[in-house]
């Protein structure tokens, strides 16, 4: 993962509303969650929700799929895994923290 991609994803998750949306989608699992359900659960106006979901889609953390008349959002677990691996890539490489806990 490139530093710029990680920065965009972390910036997107740095907003409380977007973080709440993402956590809702993580909880929903691979099946995802309809936009209307996210709106009801988080009590966010539709236009605001749309803006925040678009930001999460832009950075690759969320995808959307139309199922008949319903728009379903899904967490991209692969991209989140990549972000977490990037964050931990050099963990303790210059320190003995792993030795101290192991």
C-alpha atoms as a PDB file:
ATOM      1  CA  UNK A   1       0.000   0.000   0.000  1.00  0.00           C
ATOM      2  CA  UNK A   2       1.216   3.487  -0.795  1.00  0.00           C
ATOM      3  CA  UNK A   3       1.487   6.139   1.872  1.00  0.00           C
ATOM      4  CA  UNK A   4      -0.953   8.414   0.006  1.00  0.00           C
ATOM      5  CA  UNK A   5      -3.664   5.719  -0.064  1.00  0.00           C
ATOM      6  CA  UNK A   6      -3.236   5.012   3.639  1.00  0.00           C
ATOM      7  CA  UNK A   7      -3.448   8.731   4.408  1.00  0.00           C
ATOM      8  CA  UNK A   8      -6.712   9.087   2.440  1.00  0.00           C
ATOM      9  CA  UNK A   9      -8.259   6.114   4.209  1.00  0.00           C
ATOM     10  CA  UNK A  10      -7.180   7.270   7.648  1.00  0.00           C
ATOM     11  CA  UNK A  11      -8.435  10.791   6.896  1.00  0.00           C
ATOM     12  CA  UNK A  12     -11.821   9.373   5.899  1.00  0.00           C
ATOM     13  CA  UNK A  13     -12.026   7.356   9.113  1.00  0.00           C
ATOM     14  CA  UNK A  14     -10.958  10.404  11.141  1.00  0.00           C
ATOM     15  CA  UNK A  15     -14.460  11.858  10.900  1.00  0.00           C
ATOM     16  CA  UNK A  16     -16.804  10.634  13.674  1.00  0.00           C
ATOM     17  CA  UNK A  17     -19.778  10.162  11.328  1.00  0.00           C
ATOM     18  CA  UNK A  18     -17.750   8.209   8.764  1.00  0.00           C
ATOM     19  CA  UNK A  19     -16.171   6.109  11.492  1.00  0.00           C
ATOM     20  CA  UNK A  20     -19.653   5.302  12.817  1.00  0.00           C
ATOM     21  CA  UNK A  21     -20.809   4.363   9.311  1.00  0.00           C
ATOM     22  CA  UNK A  22     -17.783   2.136   8.834  1.00  0.00           C
ATOM     23  CA  UNK A  23     -18.217   0.440  12.198  1.00  0.00           C
ATOM     24  CA  UNK A  24     -21.870  -0.199  11.312  1.00  0.00           C
ATOM     25  CA  UNK A  25     -20.768  -1.855   8.076  1.00  0.00           C
ATOM     26  CA  UNK A  26     -18.134  -3.944   9.857  1.00  0.00           C
ATOM     27  CA  UNK A  27     -20.848  -5.125  12.245  1.00  0.00           C
ATOM     28  CA  UNK A  28     -23.108  -5.986   9.282  1.00  0.00           C
ATOM     29  CA  UNK A  29     -20.458  -8.304   7.846  1.00  0.00           C
ATOM     30  CA  UNK A  30     -20.039  -9.334   4.225  1.00  0.00           C
ATOM     31  CA  UNK A  31     -23.750  -8.923   3.434  1.00  0.00           C
ATOM     32  CA  UNK A  32     -23.514  -5.199   4.035  1.00  0.00           C
ATOM     33  CA  UNK A  33     -26.273  -2.863   5.116  1.00  0.00           C
ATOM     34  CA  UNK A  34     -28.906  -0.876   3.230  1.00  0.00           C
ATOM     35  CA  UNK A  35     -28.363   2.882   3.282  1.00  0.00           C
ATOM     36  CA  UNK A  36     -31.782   3.363   4.901  1.00  0.00           C
ATOM     37  CA  UNK A  37     -30.809   1.096   7.788  1.00  0.00           C
ATOM     38  CA  UNK A  38     -27.563   3.003   8.310  1.00  0.00           C
ATOM     39  CA  UNK A  39     -29.512   6.251   8.317  1.00  0.00           C
ATOM     40  CA  UNK A  40     -32.015   4.938  10.868  1.00  0.00           C
ATOM     41  CA  UNK A  41     -29.345   3.496  13.130  1.00  0.00           C
ATOM     42  CA  UNK A  42     -27.138   6.603  13.135  1.00  0.00           C
ATOM     43  CA  UNK A  43     -29.912   9.212  12.845  1.00  0.00           C
ATOM     44  CA  UNK A  44     -28.054  11.124  10.122  1.00  0.00           C
ATOM     45  CA  UNK A  45     -29.851  13.243   7.478  1.00  0.00           C
ATOM     46  CA  UNK A  46     -29.907  11.580   4.041  1.00  0.00           C
ATOM     47  CA  UNK A  47     -27.829  14.250   2.304  1.00  0.00           C
ATOM     48  CA  UNK A  48     -25.180  14.173   5.036  1.00  0.00           C
ATOM     49  CA  UNK A  49     -25.081  10.381   4.981  1.00  0.00           C
ATOM     50  CA  UNK A  50     -24.700  10.359   1.206  1.00  0.00           C
ATOM     51  CA  UNK A  51     -21.730  12.738   1.423  1.00  0.00           C
ATOM     52  CA  UNK A  52     -19.978  10.640   4.062  1.00  0.00           C
ATOM     53  CA  UNK A  53     -20.589   7.343   2.282  1.00  0.00           C
ATOM     54  CA  UNK A  54     -19.225   8.858  -0.942  1.00  0.00           C
ATOM     55  CA  UNK A  55     -15.995   9.759   0.871  1.00  0.00           C
ATOM     56  CA  UNK A  56     -15.642   6.174   2.138  1.00  0.00           C
ATOM     57  CA  UNK A  57     -16.310   4.824  -1.357  1.00  0.00           C
ATOM     58  CA  UNK A  58     -13.748   7.231  -2.867  1.00  0.00           C
ATOM     59  CA  UNK A  59     -10.952   5.964  -0.671  1.00  0.00           C
ATOM     60  CA  UNK A  60     -11.838   2.307  -1.250  1.00  0.00           C
ATOM     61  CA  UNK A  61     -13.077   1.334   2.196  1.00  0.00           C
ATOM     62  CA  UNK A  62     -16.716   0.891   1.136  1.00  0.00           C
ATOM     63  CA  UNK A  63     -18.468  -0.365  -1.963  1.00  0.00           C
ATOM     64  CA  UNK A  64     -22.101   0.053  -2.966  1.00  0.00           C
ATOM     65  CA  UNK A  65     -24.366  -2.374  -4.749  1.00  0.00           C
ATOM     66  CA  UNK A  66     -27.883  -1.828  -5.991  1.00  0.00           C
ATOM     67  CA  UNK A  67     -30.208  -4.689  -5.049  1.00  0.00           C
ATOM     68  CA  UNK A  68     -33.496  -3.985  -6.768  1.00  0.00           C
ATOM     69  CA  UNK A  69     -34.594  -0.631  -5.289  1.00  0.00           C
ATOM     70  CA  UNK A  70     -32.223  -0.793  -2.327  1.00  0.00           C
ATOM     71  CA  UNK A  71     -28.673   0.570  -2.206  1.00  0.00           C
ATOM     72  CA  UNK A  72     -26.504  -1.657  -0.037  1.00  0.00           C
ATOM     73  CA  UNK A  73     -23.153  -0.536   1.357  1.00  0.00           C
ATOM     74  CA  UNK A  74     -20.443  -3.041   2.136  1.00  0.00           C
ATOM     75  CA  UNK A  75     -17.144  -2.727   3.904  1.00  0.00           C
ATOM     76  CA  UNK A  76     -14.183  -3.662   1.727  1.00  0.00           C
ATOM     77  CA  UNK A  77     -12.515  -5.977   4.209  1.00  0.00           C
ATOM     78  CA  UNK A  78      -9.540  -6.552   1.893  1.00  0.00           C
ATOM     79  CA  UNK A  79      -8.686  -2.859   1.773  1.00  0.00           C
ATOM     80  CA  UNK A  80      -9.078  -2.551   5.539  1.00  0.00           C
ATOM     81  CA  UNK A  81      -6.763  -5.543   5.996  1.00  0.00           C
ATOM     82  CA  UNK A  82      -4.232  -3.844   3.706  1.00  0.00           C
ATOM     83  CA  UNK A  83      -4.464  -0.651   5.751  1.00  0.00           C
ATOM     84  CA  UNK A  84      -3.933  -2.517   9.023  1.00  0.00           C
ATOM     85  CA  UNK A  85      -0.957  -4.410   7.572  1.00  0.00           C
ATOM     86  CA  UNK A  86       0.499  -1.106   6.350  1.00  0.00           C
ATOM     87  CA  UNK A  87       0.094   0.434   9.806  1.00  0.00           C
ATOM     88  CA  UNK A  88       1.837  -2.498  11.494  1.00  0.00           C
ATOM     89  CA  UNK A  89       4.393  -3.197   8.763  1.00  0.00           C
ATOM     90  CA  UNK A  90       7.432  -2.008  10.701  1.00  0.00           C
ATOM     91  CA  UNK A  91       6.066  -2.422  14.199  1.00  0.00           C
ATOM     92  CA  UNK A  92       8.858  -2.494  16.744  1.00  0.00           C
ATOM     93  CA  UNK A  93      11.533  -2.931  14.080  1.00  0.00           C
ATOM     94  CA  UNK A  94      13.804  -0.516  15.969  1.00  0.00           C
ATOM     95  CA  UNK A  95      12.650  -1.353  19.454  1.00  0.00           C
ATOM     96  CA  UNK A  96      12.528  -4.337  21.724  1.00  0.00           C
ATOM     97  CA  UNK A  97       8.797  -4.042  22.536  1.00  0.00           C
ATOM     98  CA  UNK A  98       8.069  -7.450  21.022  1.00  0.00           C
ATOM     99  CA  UNK A  99      10.771  -9.045  23.186  1.00  0.00           C
ATOM    100  CA  UNK A 100       9.370  -7.397  26.309  1.00  0.00           C
ATOM    101  CA  UNK A 101       5.858  -8.781  25.757  1.00  0.00           C
ATOM    102  CA  UNK A 102       6.830 -12.150  24.380  1.00  0.00           C
END
